[in-house]
Amino acid sequence: MHLHIHILPGHDSEQTLLAYWFSLTYSCIAEQMVQVHEYVTFIATRTCNHDNPHD
């Protein structure tokens, strides 16, 4: 996921803007992210080398 942020005059820092962005969007994307995470975990479990567990 690539998040491109343009810093505008008056913003304290990129971290502040990131916090604002997440506060606006996290509730909207959290469910999708969980679903993607579970899917990727499922695929990894199906395809990984069992001698080398995931980190």
N, C-alpha and C. Protein backbone atom coordinates (compact mmCIF):
# COMPACT_ATOMS: atom_id res chain seq x y z
N MET A 1 0.85 -1.19 0.00
CA MET A 1 0.00 0.00 0.00
C MET A 1 0.89 1.24 0.00
N HIS A 2 0.68 2.10 -0.96
CA HIS A 2 1.45 3.33 -1.04
C HIS A 2 0.55 4.50 -0.70
N LEU A 3 0.97 5.26 0.31
CA LEU A 3 0.18 6.41 0.74
C LEU A 3 0.97 7.67 0.42
N HIS A 4 0.46 8.43 -0.53
CA HIS A 4 1.14 9.66 -0.94
C HIS A 4 0.47 10.84 -0.25
N ILE A 5 1.25 11.58 0.52
CA ILE A 5 0.70 12.73 1.24
C ILE A 5 1.45 13.98 0.83
N HIS A 6 0.70 15.01 0.49
CA HIS A 6 1.29 16.29 0.16
C HIS A 6 1.17 17.19 1.39
N ILE A 7 2.31 17.62 1.93
CA ILE A 7 2.29 18.45 3.13
C ILE A 7 1.88 19.87 2.73
N LEU A 8 0.86 20.38 3.41
CA LEU A 8 0.37 21.72 3.13
C LEU A 8 0.91 22.70 4.15
N PRO A 9 1.10 23.94 3.78
CA PRO A 9 1.54 24.97 4.74
C PRO A 9 0.59 25.02 5.93
N GLY A 10 1.16 25.07 7.13
CA GLY A 10 0.33 25.14 8.32
C GLY A 10 0.24 23.82 9.04
N HIS A 11 0.56 22.70 8.35
CA HIS A 11 0.55 21.41 9.02
C HIS A 11 1.84 21.24 9.81
N ASP A 12 1.71 20.74 11.03
CA ASP A 12 2.86 20.63 11.91
C ASP A 12 3.90 19.66 11.35
N SER A 13 3.43 18.52 10.89
CA SER A 13 4.38 17.50 10.44
C SER A 13 3.65 16.45 9.63
N GLU A 14 4.43 15.62 8.95
CA GLU A 14 3.83 14.53 8.20
C GLU A 14 3.14 13.55 9.14
N GLN A 15 3.71 13.35 10.33
CA GLN A 15 3.09 12.43 11.29
C GLN A 15 1.70 12.91 11.68
N THR A 16 1.57 14.23 11.88
CA THR A 16 0.26 14.77 12.23
C THR A 16 -0.75 14.49 11.13
N LEU A 17 -0.32 14.67 9.89
CA LEU A 17 -1.23 14.46 8.77
C LEU A 17 -1.55 12.97 8.62
N LEU A 18 -0.55 12.12 8.86
CA LEU A 18 -0.80 10.69 8.82
C LEU A 18 -1.81 10.29 9.87
N ALA A 19 -1.66 10.83 11.08
CA ALA A 19 -2.60 10.52 12.15
C ALA A 19 -4.01 10.95 11.76
N TYR A 20 -4.12 12.13 11.14
CA TYR A 20 -5.41 12.63 10.70
C TYR A 20 -6.00 11.72 9.63
N TRP A 21 -5.15 11.30 8.67
CA TRP A 21 -5.61 10.43 7.59
C TRP A 21 -6.14 9.12 8.15
N PHE A 22 -5.37 8.53 9.06
CA PHE A 22 -5.81 7.26 9.63
C PHE A 22 -7.09 7.43 10.44
N SER A 23 -7.21 8.55 11.14
CA SER A 23 -8.41 8.77 11.94
C SER A 23 -9.64 8.86 11.05
N LEU A 24 -9.46 9.37 9.84
CA LEU A 24 -10.59 9.50 8.91
C LEU A 24 -10.91 8.18 8.22
N THR A 25 -9.89 7.37 7.95
CA THR A 25 -10.08 6.25 7.06
C THR A 25 -10.03 4.89 7.72
N TYR A 26 -9.44 4.81 8.91
CA TYR A 26 -9.23 3.49 9.51
C TYR A 26 -10.54 2.73 9.68
N SER A 27 -11.56 3.43 10.16
CA SER A 27 -12.83 2.76 10.41
C SER A 27 -13.43 2.24 9.11
N CYS A 28 -13.09 2.88 7.99
CA CYS A 28 -13.65 2.47 6.71
C CYS A 28 -12.89 1.29 6.11
N ILE A 29 -11.57 1.23 6.36
CA ILE A 29 -10.76 0.22 5.70
C ILE A 29 -10.38 -0.94 6.61
N ALA A 30 -10.65 -0.80 7.92
CA ALA A 30 -10.20 -1.82 8.86
C ALA A 30 -10.76 -3.20 8.49
N GLU A 31 -12.04 -3.27 8.17
CA GLU A 31 -12.65 -4.57 7.87
C GLU A 31 -12.01 -5.18 6.63
N GLN A 32 -11.80 -4.36 5.61
CA GLN A 32 -11.16 -4.86 4.39
C GLN A 32 -9.74 -5.34 4.68
N MET A 33 -9.01 -4.58 5.51
CA MET A 33 -7.64 -4.96 5.83
C MET A 33 -7.62 -6.28 6.56
N VAL A 34 -8.57 -6.49 7.48
CA VAL A 34 -8.64 -7.75 8.21
C VAL A 34 -8.92 -8.88 7.23
N GLN A 35 -9.84 -8.67 6.31
CA GLN A 35 -10.16 -9.71 5.34
C GLN A 35 -8.94 -10.04 4.48
N VAL A 36 -8.22 -9.02 4.04
CA VAL A 36 -7.03 -9.24 3.23
C VAL A 36 -5.98 -9.98 4.05
N HIS A 37 -5.80 -9.58 5.30
CA HIS A 37 -4.81 -10.22 6.16
C HIS A 37 -5.14 -11.69 6.34
N GLU A 38 -6.41 -11.99 6.59
CA GLU A 38 -6.81 -13.37 6.78
C GLU A 38 -6.60 -14.18 5.51
N TYR A 39 -6.90 -13.59 4.36
CA TYR A 39 -6.71 -14.27 3.08
C TYR A 39 -5.24 -14.55 2.83
N VAL A 40 -4.39 -13.54 3.06
CA VAL A 40 -2.96 -13.72 2.84
C VAL A 40 -2.41 -14.77 3.80
N THR A 41 -2.87 -14.73 5.05
CA THR A 41 -2.42 -15.72 6.03
C THR A 41 -2.83 -17.12 5.57
N PHE A 42 -4.04 -17.24 5.04
CA PHE A 42 -4.53 -18.53 4.54
C PHE A 42 -3.64 -19.03 3.41
N ILE A 43 -3.35 -18.14 2.45
CA ILE A 43 -2.50 -18.52 1.32
C ILE A 43 -1.11 -18.90 1.82
N ALA A 44 -0.56 -18.11 2.74
CA ALA A 44 0.77 -18.40 3.25
C ALA A 44 0.79 -19.75 3.95
N THR A 45 -0.27 -20.04 4.69
CA THR A 45 -0.34 -21.31 5.40
C THR A 45 -0.40 -22.47 4.41
N ARG A 46 -1.08 -22.26 3.31
CA ARG A 46 -1.22 -23.31 2.31
C ARG A 46 0.07 -23.54 1.53
N THR A 47 0.89 -22.49 1.39
CA THR A 47 2.01 -22.56 0.45
C THR A 47 3.38 -22.54 1.12
N CYS A 48 3.44 -22.20 2.42
CA CYS A 48 4.75 -22.03 3.05
C CYS A 48 5.45 -23.37 3.23
N ASN A 49 6.76 -23.28 3.40
CA ASN A 49 7.56 -24.45 3.74
C ASN A 49 7.37 -24.71 5.22
N HIS A 50 6.82 -25.86 5.57
CA HIS A 50 6.49 -26.13 6.97
C HIS A 50 7.74 -26.24 7.84
N ASP A 51 8.89 -26.40 7.22
CA ASP A 51 10.14 -26.42 7.98
C ASP A 51 10.58 -25.01 8.35
N ASN A 52 9.93 -24.01 7.77
CA ASN A 52 10.31 -22.63 8.01
C ASN A 52 9.06 -21.82 8.30
N PRO A 53 8.57 -21.84 9.56
CA PRO A 53 7.33 -21.14 9.91
C PRO A 53 7.41 -19.65 9.59
N HIS A 54 6.23 -19.06 9.39
CA HIS A 54 6.22 -17.63 9.08
C HIS A 54 6.71 -16.85 10.28
N ASP A 55 7.27 -15.67 10.00
CA ASP A 55 7.83 -14.83 11.07
C ASP A 55 6.74 -14.37 12.01
